[in-house]
Amino acid sequence: MLPQDMDREEFAQRKRLGAEYLGPIARATGEQRKELIVEWAEKLYDAQAQSRIGLVKSLEDLSHLLTDLYLYCSGTVMPLLDAARPDDSEREAITESRIIQ
């Protein structure tokens, strides 16, 4: 059941991305699998960042944006990626990418 205030379009977009990536990730091995997982994480993160960047009106808003994006990454992106069962090296690649800083 979805919360009443949830943006259904954003939810649907995240589900579409998952459907798009899980099959190829399941068939991939090694470095290709790692690249697909990182790419999926970046697309999830970028969609959120783009929708929030317009809220930054002053330098003071930047810390709020960064906190919001960190929470989104840890509370939404990483749990979604768990469906692909990333191993330690794949999690490390996500951490080393630009999304989790």
C-alpha atoms as a PDB file:
ATOM      1  CA  MET A   1       0.000   0.000   0.000  1.00  0.00           C
ATOM      2  CA  LEU A   2       1.347   3.413  -0.976  1.00  0.00           C
ATOM      3  CA  PRO A   3       1.222   6.356   1.422  1.00  0.00           C
ATOM      4  CA  GLN A   4      -1.351   8.958   0.370  1.00  0.00           C
ATOM      5  CA  ASP A   5       1.214  11.725  -0.044  1.00  0.00           C
ATOM      6  CA  MET A   6       3.604   9.637  -2.148  1.00  0.00           C
ATOM      7  CA  ASP A   7       4.353  10.846  -5.662  1.00  0.00           C
ATOM      8  CA  ARG A   8       3.033   7.953  -7.715  1.00  0.00           C
ATOM      9  CA  GLU A   9       4.902   8.996 -10.861  1.00  0.00           C
ATOM     10  CA  GLU A  10       8.261   8.949  -9.045  1.00  0.00           C
ATOM     11  CA  PHE A  11       7.366   5.562  -7.562  1.00  0.00           C
ATOM     12  CA  ALA A  12       6.426   4.222 -11.015  1.00  0.00           C
ATOM     13  CA  GLN A  13       9.659   5.583 -12.503  1.00  0.00           C
ATOM     14  CA  ARG A  14      11.744   3.821  -9.839  1.00  0.00           C
ATOM     15  CA  LYS A  15       9.869   0.578 -10.547  1.00  0.00           C
ATOM     16  CA  ARG A  16      10.444   0.960 -14.305  1.00  0.00           C
ATOM     17  CA  LEU A  17      14.163   1.476 -13.752  1.00  0.00           C
ATOM     18  CA  GLY A  18      14.292  -1.601 -11.553  1.00  0.00           C
ATOM     19  CA  ALA A  19      12.544  -3.675 -14.207  1.00  0.00           C
ATOM     20  CA  GLU A  20      14.920  -2.312 -16.837  1.00  0.00           C
ATOM     21  CA  TYR A  21      18.076  -3.142 -14.875  1.00  0.00           C
ATOM     22  CA  LEU A  22      17.368  -6.310 -12.902  1.00  0.00           C
ATOM     23  CA  GLY A  23      17.262  -8.623 -15.928  1.00  0.00           C
ATOM     24  CA  PRO A  24      20.555  -7.452 -17.444  1.00  0.00           C
ATOM     25  CA  ILE A  25      22.182  -7.443 -13.988  1.00  0.00           C
ATOM     26  CA  ALA A  26      21.074 -11.040 -13.423  1.00  0.00           C
ATOM     27  CA  ARG A  27      22.667 -12.099 -16.717  1.00  0.00           C
ATOM     28  CA  ALA A  28      25.854 -10.059 -16.331  1.00  0.00           C
ATOM     29  CA  THR A  29      29.000 -11.069 -14.529  1.00  0.00           C
ATOM     30  CA  GLY A  30      32.036  -9.338 -13.125  1.00  0.00           C
ATOM     31  CA  GLU A  31      32.780  -5.805 -14.204  1.00  0.00           C
ATOM     32  CA  GLN A  32      29.729  -5.518 -16.451  1.00  0.00           C
ATOM     33  CA  ARG A  33      27.427  -6.367 -13.547  1.00  0.00           C
ATOM     34  CA  LYS A  34      29.163  -3.807 -11.340  1.00  0.00           C
ATOM     35  CA  GLU A  35      28.792  -1.137 -14.030  1.00  0.00           C
ATOM     36  CA  LEU A  36      25.084  -1.867 -14.432  1.00  0.00           C
ATOM     37  CA  ILE A  37      24.464  -1.640 -10.692  1.00  0.00           C
ATOM     38  CA  VAL A  38      26.316   1.679 -10.439  1.00  0.00           C
ATOM     39  CA  GLU A  39      24.484   3.000 -13.509  1.00  0.00           C
ATOM     40  CA  TRP A  40      21.130   2.052 -11.970  1.00  0.00           C
ATOM     41  CA  ALA A  41      22.079   3.752  -8.693  1.00  0.00           C
ATOM     42  CA  GLU A  42      23.139   6.894 -10.533  1.00  0.00           C
ATOM     43  CA  LYS A  43      19.891   7.069 -12.504  1.00  0.00           C
ATOM     44  CA  LEU A  44      17.827   6.699  -9.343  1.00  0.00           C
ATOM     45  CA  TYR A  45      19.878   9.348  -7.571  1.00  0.00           C
ATOM     46  CA  ASP A  46      19.981  11.763 -10.523  1.00  0.00           C
ATOM     47  CA  ALA A  47      16.197  11.705 -10.896  1.00  0.00           C
ATOM     48  CA  GLN A  48      15.805  12.757  -7.267  1.00  0.00           C
ATOM     49  CA  ALA A  49      18.584  15.352  -7.455  1.00  0.00           C
ATOM     50  CA  GLN A  50      17.075  16.955 -10.557  1.00  0.00           C
ATOM     51  CA  SER A  51      13.667  17.204  -8.939  1.00  0.00           C
ATOM     52  CA  ARG A  52      15.142  18.823  -5.812  1.00  0.00           C
ATOM     53  CA  ILE A  53      17.790  21.160  -7.232  1.00  0.00           C
ATOM     54  CA  GLY A  54      15.183  23.829  -8.009  1.00  0.00           C
ATOM     55  CA  LEU A  55      14.466  24.124  -4.296  1.00  0.00           C
ATOM     56  CA  VAL A  56      17.917  25.585  -3.656  1.00  0.00           C
ATOM     57  CA  LYS A  57      17.462  29.351  -3.498  1.00  0.00           C
ATOM     58  CA  SER A  58      20.411  30.281  -1.308  1.00  0.00           C
ATOM     59  CA  LEU A  59      23.662  28.871  -0.013  1.00  0.00           C
ATOM     60  CA  GLU A  60      21.888  27.958   3.228  1.00  0.00           C
ATOM     61  CA  ASP A  61      19.584  25.621   1.280  1.00  0.00           C
ATOM     62  CA  LEU A  62      22.529  23.574   0.035  1.00  0.00           C
ATOM     63  CA  SER A  63      23.031  21.685   3.297  1.00  0.00           C
ATOM     64  CA  HIS A  64      19.320  20.790   3.327  1.00  0.00           C
ATOM     65  CA  LEU A  65      19.594  19.497  -0.242  1.00  0.00           C
ATOM     66  CA  LEU A  66      22.639  17.392   0.570  1.00  0.00           C
ATOM     67  CA  THR A  67      20.934  15.940   3.642  1.00  0.00           C
ATOM     68  CA  ASP A  68      17.816  15.169   1.609  1.00  0.00           C
ATOM     69  CA  LEU A  69      19.863  13.443  -1.088  1.00  0.00           C
ATOM     70  CA  TYR A  70      21.864  11.454   1.445  1.00  0.00           C
ATOM     71  CA  LEU A  71      18.671  10.250   3.118  1.00  0.00           C
ATOM     72  CA  TYR A  72      17.146   9.416  -0.271  1.00  0.00           C
ATOM     73  CA  CYS A  73      20.211   7.406  -1.192  1.00  0.00           C
ATOM     74  CA  SER A  74      20.373   5.467   2.053  1.00  0.00           C
ATOM     75  CA  GLY A  75      16.606   5.068   2.464  1.00  0.00           C
ATOM     76  CA  THR A  76      15.499   4.510  -1.140  1.00  0.00           C
ATOM     77  CA  VAL A  77      18.341   3.876  -3.577  1.00  0.00           C
ATOM     78  CA  MET A  78      20.277   1.327  -1.528  1.00  0.00           C
ATOM     79  CA  PRO A  79      17.183  -0.703  -0.540  1.00  0.00           C
ATOM     80  CA  LEU A  80      16.101  -0.822  -4.193  1.00  0.00           C
ATOM     81  CA  LEU A  81      19.560  -2.026  -5.219  1.00  0.00           C
ATOM     82  CA  ASP A  82      19.332  -4.810  -2.653  1.00  0.00           C
ATOM     83  CA  ALA A  83      17.062  -6.612  -5.133  1.00  0.00           C
ATOM     84  CA  ALA A  84      20.199  -7.178  -7.250  1.00  0.00           C
ATOM     85  CA  ARG A  85      22.049  -8.590  -4.216  1.00  0.00           C
ATOM     86  CA  PRO A  86      25.216  -6.555  -4.694  1.00  0.00           C
ATOM     87  CA  ASP A  87      28.380  -8.029  -3.266  1.00  0.00           C
ATOM     88  CA  ASP A  88      30.945  -6.038  -1.298  1.00  0.00           C
ATOM     89  CA  SER A  89      32.898  -4.891  -4.365  1.00  0.00           C
ATOM     90  CA  GLU A  90      29.687  -3.713  -6.051  1.00  0.00           C
ATOM     91  CA  ARG A  91      28.641  -1.802  -2.919  1.00  0.00           C
ATOM     92  CA  GLU A  92      32.106  -0.276  -2.817  1.00  0.00           C
ATOM     93  CA  ALA A  93      31.760   0.804  -6.451  1.00  0.00           C
ATOM     94  CA  ILE A  94      28.483   2.532  -5.586  1.00  0.00           C
ATOM     95  CA  THR A  95      30.162   4.266  -2.654  1.00  0.00           C
ATOM     96  CA  GLU A  96      33.056   5.355  -4.877  1.00  0.00           C
ATOM     97  CA  SER A  97      30.676   6.730  -7.494  1.00  0.00           C
ATOM     98  CA  ARG A  98      29.567  10.294  -7.234  1.00  0.00           C
ATOM     99  CA  ILE A  99      26.241   9.543  -5.538  1.00  0.00           C
ATOM    100  CA  ILE A 100      27.291   8.602  -2.009  1.00  0.00           C
ATOM    101  CA  GLN A 101      29.704  11.128  -0.628  1.00  0.00           C
END
